[in-house]
Amino acid sequence: MRTTLSIDNDVLERARTVAAKLKTPFKTVVNEALRVGLKYVEKPAKSLAYKTEPHRMGLRAGRSLDNIQELLSQIEGETSR
């Protein structure tokens, strides 16, 4: 089937280069590229779910979360701010 397409210059040159390199007709290269590209467009690659592994960090002996200001002063020092 014949149809008219507007192809960007960079895509046209790349298709011509591939056709020459493979010694394949330009039409074949364009049709194959469209087939591959349409499969990708129809079903984009699935991304992997982000997964983290939780672990207990705990506090050092003698420190407590009951008083955050006191904990910060112990960790950062009295003169920080």
PDB file of N, CA and C in Angstrom:
ATOM      1  N   MET A   1       0.843  -1.169   0.000  1.00  0.00           N
ATOM      2  CA  MET A   1       0.000   0.000   0.000  1.00  0.00           C
ATOM      3  C   MET A   1       0.894   1.239   0.000  1.00  0.00           C
ATOM      4  N   ARG A   2       0.502   2.235  -0.730  1.00  0.00           N
ATOM      5  CA  ARG A   2       1.263   3.477  -0.787  1.00  0.00           C
ATOM      6  C   ARG A   2       0.621   4.518   0.098  1.00  0.00           C
ATOM      7  N   THR A   3       1.460   5.272   0.772  1.00  0.00           N
ATOM      8  CA  THR A   3       0.990   6.394   1.573  1.00  0.00           C
ATOM      9  C   THR A   3       2.110   7.421   1.644  1.00  0.00           C
ATOM     10  N   THR A   4       1.770   8.624   2.003  1.00  0.00           N
ATOM     11  CA  THR A   4       2.763   9.678   2.123  1.00  0.00           C
ATOM     12  C   THR A   4       3.008   9.959   3.596  1.00  0.00           C
ATOM     13  N   LEU A   5       4.276   9.967   3.985  1.00  0.00           N
ATOM     14  CA  LEU A   5       4.658  10.258   5.360  1.00  0.00           C
ATOM     15  C   LEU A   5       5.641  11.415   5.367  1.00  0.00           C
ATOM     16  N   SER A   6       5.592  12.192   6.412  1.00  0.00           N
ATOM     17  CA  SER A   6       6.617  13.208   6.638  1.00  0.00           C
ATOM     18  C   SER A   6       7.579  12.651   7.669  1.00  0.00           C
ATOM     19  N   ILE A   7       8.817  12.432   7.254  1.00  0.00           N
ATOM     20  CA  ILE A   7       9.828  11.853   8.126  1.00  0.00           C
ATOM     21  C   ILE A   7      10.878  12.916   8.414  1.00  0.00           C
ATOM     22  N   ASP A   8      11.209  13.073   9.686  1.00  0.00           N
ATOM     23  CA  ASP A   8      12.247  14.033  10.055  1.00  0.00           C
ATOM     24  C   ASP A   8      13.564  13.661   9.382  1.00  0.00           C
ATOM     25  N   ASN A   9      14.360  14.667   9.060  1.00  0.00           N
ATOM     26  CA  ASN A   9      15.614  14.453   8.331  1.00  0.00           C
ATOM     27  C   ASN A   9      16.573  13.504   9.048  1.00  0.00           C
ATOM     28  N   ASP A  10      16.672  13.639  10.374  1.00  0.00           N
ATOM     29  CA  ASP A  10      17.590  12.764  11.106  1.00  0.00           C
ATOM     30  C   ASP A  10      17.156  11.306  11.046  1.00  0.00           C
ATOM     31  N   VAL A  11      15.833  11.073  11.095  1.00  0.00           N
ATOM     32  CA  VAL A  11      15.303   9.706  11.018  1.00  0.00           C
ATOM     33  C   VAL A  11      15.513   9.150   9.615  1.00  0.00           C
ATOM     34  N   LEU A  12      15.278   9.972   8.617  1.00  0.00           N
ATOM     35  CA  LEU A  12      15.464   9.557   7.228  1.00  0.00           C
ATOM     36  C   LEU A  12      16.915   9.154   6.969  1.00  0.00           C
ATOM     37  N   GLU A  13      17.846   9.978   7.415  1.00  0.00           N
ATOM     38  CA  GLU A  13      19.266   9.673   7.215  1.00  0.00           C
ATOM     39  C   GLU A  13      19.677   8.402   7.954  1.00  0.00           C
ATOM     40  N   ARG A  14      19.166   8.240   9.148  1.00  0.00           N
ATOM     41  CA  ARG A  14      19.510   7.034   9.915  1.00  0.00           C
ATOM     42  C   ARG A  14      18.968   5.787   9.232  1.00  0.00           C
ATOM     43  N   ALA A  15      17.737   5.855   8.726  1.00  0.00           N
ATOM     44  CA  ALA A  15      17.143   4.706   8.028  1.00  0.00           C
ATOM     45  C   ALA A  15      17.926   4.399   6.759  1.00  0.00           C
ATOM     46  N   ARG A  16      18.336   5.428   6.040  1.00  0.00           N
ATOM     47  CA  ARG A  16      19.131   5.213   4.827  1.00  0.00           C
ATOM     48  C   ARG A  16      20.482   4.593   5.166  1.00  0.00           C
ATOM     49  N   THR A  17      21.092   5.053   6.236  1.00  0.00           N
ATOM     50  CA  THR A  17      22.386   4.516   6.662  1.00  0.00           C
ATOM     51  C   THR A  17      22.264   3.040   7.039  1.00  0.00           C
ATOM     52  N   VAL A  18      21.206   2.708   7.788  1.00  0.00           N
ATOM     53  CA  VAL A  18      20.987   1.310   8.189  1.00  0.00           C
ATOM     54  C   VAL A  18      20.735   0.444   6.959  1.00  0.00           C
ATOM     55  N   ALA A  19      19.940   0.950   6.031  1.00  0.00           N
ATOM     56  CA  ALA A  19      19.644   0.195   4.804  1.00  0.00           C
ATOM     57  C   ALA A  19      20.920  -0.077   4.014  1.00  0.00           C
ATOM     58  N   ALA A  20      21.774   0.928   3.917  1.00  0.00           N
ATOM     59  CA  ALA A  20      23.029   0.746   3.178  1.00  0.00           C
ATOM     60  C   ALA A  20      23.950  -0.236   3.907  1.00  0.00           C
ATOM     61  N   LYS A  21      24.022  -0.099   5.220  1.00  0.00           N
ATOM     62  CA  LYS A  21      24.889  -0.974   6.016  1.00  0.00           C
ATOM     63  C   LYS A  21      24.453  -2.433   5.900  1.00  0.00           C
ATOM     64  N   LEU A  22      23.133  -2.657   5.949  1.00  0.00           N
ATOM     65  CA  LEU A  22      22.592  -4.022   5.885  1.00  0.00           C
ATOM     66  C   LEU A  22      22.385  -4.518   4.457  1.00  0.00           C
ATOM     67  N   LYS A  23      22.618  -3.621   3.492  1.00  0.00           N
ATOM     68  CA  LYS A  23      22.363  -3.933   2.080  1.00  0.00           C
ATOM     69  C   LYS A  23      20.939  -4.441   1.900  1.00  0.00           C
ATOM     70  N   THR A  24      20.008  -3.695   2.496  1.00  0.00           N
ATOM     71  CA  THR A  24      18.590  -4.016   2.494  1.00  0.00           C
ATOM     72  C   THR A  24      17.840  -2.834   1.901  1.00  0.00           C
ATOM     73  N   PRO A  25      16.751  -3.088   1.203  1.00  0.00           N
ATOM     74  CA  PRO A  25      15.985  -1.960   0.668  1.00  0.00           C
ATOM     75  C   PRO A  25      15.487  -1.028   1.777  1.00  0.00           C
ATOM     76  N   PHE A  26      15.464   0.250   1.460  1.00  0.00           N
ATOM     77  CA  PHE A  26      14.994   1.278   2.397  1.00  0.00           C
ATOM     78  C   PHE A  26      13.598   0.938   2.921  1.00  0.00           C
ATOM     79  N   LYS A  27      12.720   0.503   2.030  1.00  0.00           N
ATOM     80  CA  LYS A  27      11.341   0.149   2.394  1.00  0.00           C
ATOM     81  C   LYS A  27      11.321  -0.931   3.479  1.00  0.00           C
ATOM     82  N   THR A  28      12.189  -1.909   3.363  1.00  0.00           N
ATOM     83  CA  THR A  28      12.240  -3.002   4.340  1.00  0.00           C
ATOM     84  C   THR A  28      12.676  -2.491   5.709  1.00  0.00           C
ATOM     85  N   VAL A  29      13.682  -1.628   5.712  1.00  0.00           N
ATOM     86  CA  VAL A  29      14.167  -1.069   6.972  1.00  0.00           C
ATOM     87  C   VAL A  29      13.075  -0.247   7.654  1.00  0.00           C
ATOM     88  N   VAL A  30      12.389   0.584   6.894  1.00  0.00           N
ATOM     89  CA  VAL A  30      11.329   1.427   7.463  1.00  0.00           C
ATOM     90  C   VAL A  30      10.195   0.562   8.006  1.00  0.00           C
ATOM     91  N   ASN A  31       9.766  -0.440   7.245  1.00  0.00           N
ATOM     92  CA  ASN A  31       8.678  -1.308   7.713  1.00  0.00           C
ATOM     93  C   ASN A  31       9.062  -2.060   8.980  1.00  0.00           C
ATOM     94  N   GLU A  32      10.286  -2.582   9.025  1.00  0.00           N
ATOM     95  CA  GLU A  32      10.721  -3.312  10.219  1.00  0.00           C
ATOM     96  C   GLU A  32      10.827  -2.385  11.426  1.00  0.00           C
ATOM     97  N   ALA A  33      11.347  -1.186  11.208  1.00  0.00           N
ATOM     98  CA  ALA A  33      11.448  -0.217  12.309  1.00  0.00           C
ATOM     99  C   ALA A  33      10.067   0.151  12.831  1.00  0.00           C
ATOM    100  N   LEU A  34       9.116   0.312  11.944  1.00  0.00           N
ATOM    101  CA  LEU A  34       7.750   0.615  12.379  1.00  0.00           C
ATOM    102  C   LEU A  34       7.139  -0.547  13.163  1.00  0.00           C
ATOM    103  N   ARG A  35       7.377  -1.764  12.714  1.00  0.00           N
ATOM    104  CA  ARG A  35       6.846  -2.932  13.443  1.00  0.00           C
ATOM    105  C   ARG A  35       7.388  -2.975  14.875  1.00  0.00           C
ATOM    106  N   VAL A  36       8.694  -2.829  14.984  1.00  0.00           N
ATOM    107  CA  VAL A  36       9.324  -2.870  16.304  1.00  0.00           C
ATOM    108  C   VAL A  36       8.835  -1.701  17.153  1.00  0.00           C
ATOM    109  N   GLY A  37       8.794  -0.521  16.566  1.00  0.00           N
ATOM    110  CA  GLY A  37       8.368   0.665  17.299  1.00  0.00           C
ATOM    111  C   GLY A  37       6.923   0.584  17.749  1.00  0.00           C
ATOM    112  N   LEU A  38       6.047   0.044  16.914  1.00  0.00           N
ATOM    113  CA  LEU A  38       4.632  -0.065  17.279  1.00  0.00           C
ATOM    114  C   LEU A  38       4.428  -1.057  18.418  1.00  0.00           C
ATOM    115  N   LYS A  39       5.220  -2.122  18.460  1.00  0.00           N
ATOM    116  CA  LYS A  39       5.131  -3.058  19.593  1.00  0.00           C
ATOM    117  C   LYS A  39       5.496  -2.346  20.886  1.00  0.00           C
ATOM    118  N   TYR A  40       6.530  -1.506  20.814  1.00  0.00           N
ATOM    119  CA  TYR A  40       6.964  -0.769  21.996  1.00  0.00           C
ATOM    120  C   TYR A  40       5.909   0.246  22.425  1.00  0.00           C
ATOM    121  N   VAL A  41       5.299   0.915  21.479  1.00  0.00           N
ATOM    122  CA  VAL A  41       4.283   1.928  21.789  1.00  0.00           C
ATOM    123  C   VAL A  41       3.043   1.275  22.390  1.00  0.00           C
ATOM    124  N   GLU A  42       2.669   0.108  21.869  1.00  0.00           N
ATOM    125  CA  GLU A  42       1.478  -0.581  22.389  1.00  0.00           C
ATOM    126  C   GLU A  42       1.685  -1.090  23.807  1.00  0.00           C
ATOM    127  N   LYS A  43       2.851  -1.637  24.071  1.00  0.00           N
ATOM    128  CA  LYS A  43       3.131  -2.218  25.381  1.00  0.00           C
ATOM    129  C   LYS A  43       4.481  -1.711  25.878  1.00  0.00           C
ATOM    130  N   PRO A  44       4.494  -0.536  26.495  1.00  0.00           N
ATOM    131  CA  PRO A  44       5.772  -0.029  26.996  1.00  0.00           C
ATOM    132  C   PRO A  44       6.347  -0.958  28.060  1.00  0.00           C
ATOM    133  N   ALA A  45       7.641  -0.929  28.201  1.00  0.00           N
ATOM    134  CA  ALA A  45       8.317  -1.793  29.180  1.00  0.00           C
ATOM    135  C   ALA A  45       7.794  -1.512  30.581  1.00  0.00           C
ATOM    136  N   LYS A  46       7.548  -2.577  31.310  1.00  0.00           N
ATOM    137  CA  LYS A  46       7.076  -2.430  32.683  1.00  0.00           C
ATOM    138  C   LYS A  46       8.240  -2.030  33.574  1.00  0.00           C
ATOM    139  N   SER A  47       7.992  -1.066  34.417  1.00  0.00           N
ATOM    140  CA  SER A  47       9.032  -0.678  35.366  1.00  0.00           C
ATOM    141  C   SER A  47       8.913  -1.549  36.612  1.00  0.00           C
ATOM    142  N   LEU A  48      10.031  -1.801  37.208  1.00  0.00           N
ATOM    143  CA  LEU A  48      10.041  -2.611  38.426  1.00  0.00           C
ATOM    144  C   LEU A  48       9.538  -1.791  39.603  1.00  0.00           C
ATOM    145  N   ALA A  49       8.801  -2.421  40.456  1.00  0.00           N
ATOM    146  CA  ALA A  49       8.290  -1.751  41.647  1.00  0.00           C
ATOM    147  C   ALA A  49       9.443  -1.395  42.573  1.00  0.00           C
ATOM    148  N   TYR A  50       9.370  -0.224  43.135  1.00  0.00           N
ATOM    149  CA  TYR A  50      10.404   0.205  44.081  1.00  0.00           C
ATOM    150  C   TYR A  50      10.197  -0.539  45.389  1.00  0.00           C
ATOM    151  N   LYS A  51      11.245  -1.122  45.892  1.00  0.00           N
ATOM    152  CA  LYS A  51      11.120  -1.940  47.095  1.00  0.00           C
ATOM    153  C   LYS A  51      12.227  -1.570  48.074  1.00  0.00           C
ATOM    154  N   THR A  52      11.856  -1.356  49.306  1.00  0.00           N
ATOM    155  CA  THR A  52      12.844  -1.103  50.355  1.00  0.00           C
ATOM    156  C   THR A  52      12.717  -2.170  51.428  1.00  0.00           C
ATOM    157  N   GLU A  53      13.802  -2.452  52.049  1.00  0.00           N
ATOM    158  CA  GLU A  53      13.825  -3.424  53.134  1.00  0.00           C
ATOM    159  C   GLU A  53      13.958  -2.661  54.447  1.00  0.00           C
ATOM    160  N   PRO A  54      12.933  -2.664  55.285  1.00  0.00           N
ATOM    161  CA  PRO A  54      13.028  -1.959  56.564  1.00  0.00           C
ATOM    162  C   PRO A  54      13.933  -2.718  57.534  1.00  0.00           C
ATOM    163  N   HIS A  55      14.569  -1.984  58.389  1.00  0.00           N
ATOM    164  CA  HIS A  55      15.352  -2.604  59.444  1.00  0.00           C
ATOM    165  C   HIS A  55      15.322  -1.701  60.678  1.00  0.00           C
ATOM    166  N   ARG A  56      15.461  -2.323  61.814  1.00  0.00           N
ATOM    167  CA  ARG A  56      15.417  -1.578  63.070  1.00  0.00           C
ATOM    168  C   ARG A  56      16.735  -0.860  63.267  1.00  0.00           C
ATOM    169  N   MET A  57      16.631   0.435  63.533  1.00  0.00           N
ATOM    170  CA  MET A  57      17.842   1.208  63.766  1.00  0.00           C
ATOM    171  C   MET A  57      18.128   1.334  65.253  1.00  0.00           C
ATOM    172  N   GLY A  58      17.086   1.484  66.032  1.00  0.00           N
ATOM    173  CA  GLY A  58      17.250   1.565  67.477  1.00  0.00           C
ATOM    174  C   GLY A  58      18.044   2.791  67.913  1.00  0.00           C
ATOM    175  N   LEU A  59      18.146   2.960  69.194  1.00  0.00           N
ATOM    176  CA  LEU A  59      18.916   4.058  69.779  1.00  0.00           C
ATOM    177  C   LEU A  59      20.058   3.487  70.596  1.00  0.00           C
ATOM    178  N   ARG A  60      21.096   4.265  70.737  1.00  0.00           N
ATOM    179  CA  ARG A  60      22.203   3.856  71.594  1.00  0.00           C
ATOM    180  C   ARG A  60      21.740   3.838  73.047  1.00  0.00           C
ATOM    181  N   ALA A  61      22.408   3.076  73.835  1.00  0.00           N
ATOM    182  CA  ALA A  61      22.068   2.978  75.255  1.00  0.00           C
ATOM    183  C   ALA A  61      22.131   4.360  75.899  1.00  0.00           C
ATOM    184  N   GLY A  62      21.173   4.652  76.742  1.00  0.00           N
ATOM    185  CA  GLY A  62      21.147   5.919  77.456  1.00  0.00           C
ATOM    186  C   GLY A  62      20.394   7.023  76.712  1.00  0.00           C
ATOM    187  N   ARG A  63      19.894   6.744  75.531  1.00  0.00           N
ATOM    188  CA  ARG A  63      19.144   7.752  74.779  1.00  0.00           C
ATOM    189  C   ARG A  63      17.697   7.309  74.656  1.00  0.00           C
ATOM    190  N   SER A  64      16.789   8.297  74.642  1.00  0.00           N
ATOM    191  CA  SER A  64      15.367   7.996  74.618  1.00  0.00           C
ATOM    192  C   SER A  64      14.654   8.957  73.671  1.00  0.00           C
ATOM    193  N   LEU A  65      13.571   8.504  73.069  1.00  0.00           N
ATOM    194  CA  LEU A  65      12.758   9.355  72.198  1.00  0.00           C
ATOM    195  C   LEU A  65      11.695  10.127  72.973  1.00  0.00           C
ATOM    196  N   ASP A  66      11.649   9.966  74.289  1.00  0.00           N
ATOM    197  CA  ASP A  66      10.631  10.636  75.098  1.00  0.00           C
ATOM    198  C   ASP A  66      10.801  12.158  75.078  1.00  0.00           C
ATOM    199  N   ASN A  67      12.017  12.643  75.028  1.00  0.00           N
ATOM    200  CA  ASN A  67      12.279  14.078  75.010  1.00  0.00           C
ATOM    201  C   ASN A  67      13.195  14.373  73.812  1.00  0.00           C
ATOM    202  N   ILE A  68      12.609  14.815  72.725  1.00  0.00           N
ATOM    203  CA  ILE A  68      13.354  15.037  71.489  1.00  0.00           C
ATOM    204  C   ILE A  68      14.410  16.128  71.647  1.00  0.00           C
ATOM    205  N   GLN A  69      14.078  17.210  72.354  1.00  0.00           N
ATOM    206  CA  GLN A  69      15.045  18.296  72.547  1.00  0.00           C
ATOM    207  C   GLN A  69      16.292  17.791  73.271  1.00  0.00           C
ATOM    208  N   GLU A  70      16.087  16.988  74.270  1.00  0.00           N
ATOM    209  CA  GLU A  70      17.219  16.438  75.023  1.00  0.00           C
ATOM    210  C   GLU A  70      18.040  15.501  74.132  1.00  0.00           C
ATOM    211  N   LEU A  71      17.352  14.674  73.327  1.00  0.00           N
ATOM    212  CA  LEU A  71      18.037  13.763  72.425  1.00  0.00           C
ATOM    213  C   LEU A  71      18.877  14.537  71.408  1.00  0.00           C
ATOM    214  N   LEU A  72      18.306  15.605  70.843  1.00  0.00           N
ATOM    215  CA  LEU A  72      19.052  16.428  69.889  1.00  0.00           C
ATOM    216  C   LEU A  72      20.273  17.069  70.530  1.00  0.00           C
ATOM    217  N   SER A  73      20.120  17.545  71.735  1.00  0.00           N
ATOM    218  CA  SER A  73      21.271  18.166  72.401  1.00  0.00           C
ATOM    219  C   SER A  73      22.353  17.127  72.704  1.00  0.00           C
ATOM    220  N   GLN A  74      21.953  15.896  73.003  1.00  0.00           N
ATOM    221  CA  GLN A  74      22.928  14.841  73.229  1.00  0.00           C
ATOM    222  C   GLN A  74      23.682  14.508  71.944  1.00  0.00           C
ATOM    223  N   ILE A  75      22.954  14.464  70.831  1.00  0.00           N
ATOM    224  CA  ILE A  75      23.554  14.079  69.561  1.00  0.00           C
ATOM    225  C   ILE A  75      24.375  15.213  68.954  1.00  0.00           C
ATOM    226  N   GLU A  76      23.787  16.416  68.920  1.00  0.00           N
ATOM    227  CA  GLU A  76      24.414  17.543  68.241  1.00  0.00           C
ATOM    228  C   GLU A  76      25.294  18.388  69.145  1.00  0.00           C
ATOM    229  N   GLY A  77      25.087  18.289  70.424  1.00  0.00           N
ATOM    230  CA  GLY A  77      25.837  19.113  71.363  1.00  0.00           C
ATOM    231  C   GLY A  77      25.013  20.326  71.752  1.00  0.00           C
ATOM    232  N   GLU A  78      25.263  20.870  72.915  1.00  0.00           N
ATOM    233  CA  GLU A  78      24.485  21.993  73.451  1.00  0.00           C
ATOM    234  C   GLU A  78      24.647  23.269  72.621  1.00  0.00           C
ATOM    235  N   THR A  79      25.810  23.461  71.995  1.00  0.00           N
ATOM    236  CA  THR A  79      26.096  24.746  71.318  1.00  0.00           C
ATOM    237  C   THR A  79      25.659  24.766  69.857  1.00  0.00           C
ATOM    238  N   SER A  80      25.094  23.694  69.371  1.00  0.00           N
ATOM    239  CA  SER A  80      24.685  23.694  67.947  1.00  0.00           C
ATOM    240  C   SER A  80      23.370  24.421  67.763  1.00  0.00           C
ATOM    241  N   ARG A  81      23.157  24.974  66.624  1.00  0.00           N
ATOM    242  CA  ARG A  81      21.942  25.671  66.159  1.00  0.00           C
ATOM    243  C   ARG A  81      22.316  26.694  65.179  1.00  0.00           C
TER     244      ARG A  81
END
